[in-house]
Amino acid sequence: MRLRKVVAGRDLGTAKFVCRSGDLMVSKIDARKGACAVLPPELDGAVVTSDFLSFEANPELVESTFLDLWVKRPAFAELCDTISSGTTNRVRMDVGRFPFLELPLPPLRVQGRIVDLIDALDDALRECADAAVRLELLWWRIADDLRVSVAGLPVKRLGEVADIGG
């Protein structure tokens, strides 16, 4: 979930709803395309139109971070698609059916462990990406050093050192 635009509440033409951090936010129009997420702390107090549903997660049953991971899965978007209907450019989720979607829910302790494991994987992926950037910079530095170090060396034609087009 990301901040799309900042506008004054009076400039919203439709119904306005205030959302809280940790709420499950669902787009009636684009849930079937994956537009679902738990509202992050930095967006606490955001105002949305009636095209968005807001659900307060029960912390005794579901950890908000686990719920966020779950609703971002392609399988959840597919579930939302099964309860959406309408014509081209007017397809909307049937709000009355949304609360009846089933969510396989492990105990809170297991949810927390799943979140911790995924966080550890995210950290490892970031470290790999950082290492790849450092390695690429090193590669370019070595390539540049190679270009500089060949200056002044004797020159041979490529056909003399390799059989080309044999």
Protein backbone atom coordinates (compact mmCIF):
# COMPACT_ATOMS: atom_id res chain seq x y z
CA MET A 1 0.00 0.00 0.00
CA ARG A 2 1.31 3.39 -0.92
CA LEU A 3 0.22 6.98 -0.73
CA ARG A 4 -1.25 7.83 -4.11
CA LYS A 5 -2.00 11.53 -3.76
CA VAL A 6 -2.42 14.15 -1.05
CA VAL A 7 -5.57 16.26 -1.34
CA ALA A 8 -7.75 18.19 1.08
CA GLY A 9 -10.71 16.15 2.31
CA ARG A 10 -13.10 18.82 1.01
CA ASP A 11 -11.77 18.12 -2.49
CA LEU A 12 -12.90 14.49 -2.45
CA GLY A 13 -16.21 14.35 -4.27
CA THR A 14 -17.40 11.05 -2.85
CA ALA A 15 -17.91 9.64 0.62
CA LYS A 16 -14.81 9.87 2.80
CA PHE A 17 -13.55 7.33 5.32
CA VAL A 18 -10.62 7.60 7.72
CA CYS A 19 -8.45 4.50 7.95
CA ARG A 20 -6.15 3.40 10.73
CA SER A 21 -2.79 1.73 10.70
CA GLY A 22 -3.23 -2.05 10.70
CA ASP A 23 -6.59 -1.94 8.88
CA LEU A 24 -7.01 -4.32 5.96
CA MET A 25 -7.63 -2.12 2.94
CA VAL A 26 -9.36 -3.60 -0.10
CA SER A 27 -10.14 -1.91 -3.40
CA LYS A 28 -13.62 -2.84 -4.62
CA ILE A 29 -12.45 -2.31 -8.20
CA ASP A 30 -8.93 -3.75 -8.16
CA ALA A 31 -8.89 -6.39 -5.40
CA ARG A 32 -9.08 -8.99 -8.17
CA LYS A 33 -5.80 -7.53 -9.46
CA GLY A 34 -4.12 -7.67 -6.05
CA ALA A 35 -5.05 -4.25 -4.64
CA CYS A 36 -5.26 -5.35 -1.01
CA ALA A 37 -2.90 -4.55 1.86
CA VAL A 38 -2.69 -3.76 5.54
CA LEU A 39 -2.36 0.00 6.04
CA PRO A 40 1.18 0.81 7.22
CA PRO A 41 1.83 3.15 10.17
CA GLU A 42 2.98 6.00 7.93
CA LEU A 43 -0.50 6.13 6.34
CA ASP A 44 -2.42 6.12 9.64
CA GLY A 45 -5.35 8.53 9.34
CA ALA A 46 -5.48 8.35 5.54
CA VAL A 47 -8.78 9.27 3.94
CA VAL A 48 -10.19 7.00 1.24
CA THR A 49 -13.28 7.04 -0.93
CA SER A 50 -16.12 4.54 -0.86
CA ASP A 51 -14.29 2.51 -3.52
CA PHE A 52 -12.17 1.09 -0.68
CA LEU A 53 -13.21 -1.24 2.11
CA SER A 54 -11.50 -1.01 5.47
CA PHE A 55 -11.52 -3.89 7.95
CA GLU A 56 -10.08 -3.83 11.44
CA ALA A 57 -8.11 -7.04 11.96
CA ASN A 58 -8.75 -8.98 15.18
CA PRO A 59 -5.30 -9.16 16.85
CA GLU A 60 -6.42 -12.21 18.86
CA LEU A 61 -6.80 -14.18 15.62
CA VAL A 62 -4.40 -12.70 13.07
CA GLU A 63 -1.12 -10.85 13.14
CA SER A 64 -1.42 -7.82 10.84
CA THR A 65 1.92 -8.52 9.12
CA PHE A 66 0.82 -12.10 8.39
CA LEU A 67 -2.51 -10.82 7.04
CA ASP A 68 -0.65 -8.35 4.81
CA LEU A 69 1.48 -11.17 3.40
CA TRP A 70 -1.58 -13.34 2.85
CA VAL A 71 -3.67 -10.78 0.96
CA LYS A 72 -0.75 -9.92 -1.33
CA ARG A 73 -0.61 -13.49 -2.64
CA PRO A 74 -1.83 -14.02 -6.22
CA ALA A 75 -4.18 -16.72 -4.87
CA PHE A 76 -5.99 -14.09 -2.78
CA ALA A 77 -6.43 -11.85 -5.85
CA GLU A 78 -7.89 -14.88 -7.63
CA LEU A 79 -10.33 -15.39 -4.74
CA CYS A 80 -11.38 -11.75 -5.03
CA ASP A 81 -11.88 -12.26 -8.76
CA THR A 82 -14.34 -15.10 -8.05
CA ILE A 83 -16.60 -12.66 -6.20
CA SER A 84 -16.28 -9.83 -8.76
CA SER A 85 -18.61 -9.16 -11.63
CA GLY A 86 -19.69 -6.46 -14.05
CA THR A 87 -18.98 -5.27 -17.54
CA THR A 88 -15.70 -4.01 -18.97
CA ASN A 89 -14.22 -1.18 -16.88
CA ARG A 90 -17.06 -1.58 -14.35
CA VAL A 91 -16.07 -4.88 -12.71
CA ARG A 92 -16.43 -4.60 -8.95
CA MET A 93 -16.13 -6.97 -6.04
CA ASP A 94 -19.37 -8.07 -4.39
CA VAL A 95 -18.84 -6.48 -0.97
CA GLY A 96 -21.43 -8.74 0.65
CA ARG A 97 -19.49 -11.87 -0.34
CA PHE A 98 -16.05 -10.60 0.70
CA PRO A 99 -16.38 -11.41 4.43
CA PHE A 100 -17.16 -15.04 3.52
CA LEU A 101 -13.85 -15.67 1.74
CA GLU A 102 -11.95 -18.33 3.65
CA LEU A 103 -8.49 -17.77 5.07
CA PRO A 104 -6.52 -20.79 6.30
CA LEU A 105 -5.20 -19.37 9.56
CA PRO A 106 -2.40 -20.96 11.60
CA PRO A 107 -2.09 -20.14 15.31
CA LEU A 108 -0.64 -16.68 16.14
CA ARG A 109 2.69 -18.23 17.18
CA VAL A 110 3.02 -19.90 13.77
CA GLN A 111 1.94 -16.72 11.97
CA GLY A 112 4.71 -14.86 13.80
CA ARG A 113 7.25 -17.51 12.82
CA ILE A 114 6.17 -17.32 9.16
CA VAL A 115 6.54 -13.53 9.22
CA ASP A 116 9.99 -13.84 10.85
CA LEU A 117 11.14 -16.33 8.21
CA ILE A 118 9.91 -14.16 5.35
CA ASP A 119 11.58 -11.11 6.93
CA ALA A 120 14.84 -13.08 7.13
CA LEU A 121 14.49 -14.04 3.46
CA ASP A 122 13.80 -10.41 2.55
CA ASP A 123 16.96 -9.38 4.43
CA ALA A 124 18.98 -12.06 2.62
CA LEU A 125 17.61 -10.91 -0.76
CA ARG A 126 18.54 -7.30 0.02
CA GLU A 127 22.05 -8.42 1.01
CA CYS A 128 22.38 -10.39 -2.24
CA ALA A 129 21.20 -7.39 -4.26
CA ASP A 130 23.70 -5.15 -2.44
CA ALA A 131 26.48 -7.69 -3.07
CA ALA A 132 25.54 -7.88 -6.77
CA VAL A 133 25.82 -4.09 -7.05
CA ARG A 134 29.22 -4.13 -5.33
CA LEU A 135 30.43 -6.95 -7.61
CA GLU A 136 29.26 -5.14 -10.73
CA LEU A 137 31.09 -1.98 -9.62
CA LEU A 138 34.19 -4.08 -9.02
CA TRP A 139 33.84 -5.66 -12.48
CA TRP A 140 33.69 -2.23 -14.13
CA ARG A 141 36.67 -1.00 -12.09
CA ILE A 142 38.74 -4.02 -13.19
CA ALA A 143 37.61 -3.60 -16.81
CA ASP A 144 38.61 0.08 -16.68
CA ASP A 145 41.99 -0.85 -15.15
CA LEU A 146 42.50 -3.41 -17.93
CA ARG A 147 41.84 -0.79 -20.61
CA VAL A 148 44.38 1.56 -19.03
CA SER A 149 47.03 -1.13 -18.51
CA VAL A 150 47.06 -2.19 -22.20
CA ALA A 151 48.09 1.26 -23.40
CA GLY A 152 51.49 1.10 -25.08
CA LEU A 153 51.54 -2.69 -25.55
CA PRO A 154 52.41 -4.18 -28.96
CA VAL A 155 49.36 -4.54 -31.21
CA LYS A 156 48.38 -7.69 -33.18
CA ARG A 157 45.53 -8.13 -35.63
CA LEU A 158 42.73 -10.32 -34.32
CA GLY A 159 43.15 -12.71 -37.27
CA GLU A 160 46.71 -13.36 -36.09
CA VAL A 161 45.67 -14.52 -32.64
CA ALA A 162 42.41 -16.32 -33.48
CA ASP A 163 41.03 -18.32 -36.39
CA ILE A 164 38.11 -16.15 -37.45
CA GLY A 165 35.39 -17.39 -39.77
CA GLY A 166 37.23 -20.62 -40.53
